[in-house]
Amino acid sequence: MRETALSIRKLGPEDIELVHSAADLFDDPPIKEQTKAFLESDRDHIWIAYLGQEPVGMLTATTLLHPDKSPHIFVNELGIDDDYRRRGIATRLMAEAVSFARSCGLTPLWLAAEGDDDQANAFYRSLSEPTERVSVVYEWEE
């Protein structure tokens, strides 16, 4: 049997239904209004990885602007279907995001991972020689 090739698609404003068809890849179900706004924004980016027609991975990122820094990209979330982990899908998604960022002059590309998420941290370290910094994150909720 021949294995289906992996394809990665960067979504645009017309792709709301593709995000919703990949809902299982997100932490929570996508919200239609938020999805629409995200896809219509020039600063928000989403890639979905497919095996055939099946969504098996996704990566979201945001272009950050600041008065004293060049624009750069923050990876918000990387999600891979549990049944398809350890097949290079996350590596391919990260490569797509890095390539996009470089082609647009958006460097650095950076992300945050939970300090105790050994699997995620090992994965990110395996990609290259990233600069690793220790940070503390504060969160306020009602």
Foldseek 3Di string as FASTA:
>chain_A
DDFFDKDKDKAALVCLVVQQLVQVQDPHRDDSVVSNVQRHDPFKIKMFMDRVNHTFKMWIKGWDDDPVDDIAIETDDIGGHPVPPPVCPSVVNVVVVCVVCVVVVHDDYYYDDPPPPVVVVVVVVVNDNDDDDDDDDDDDDD
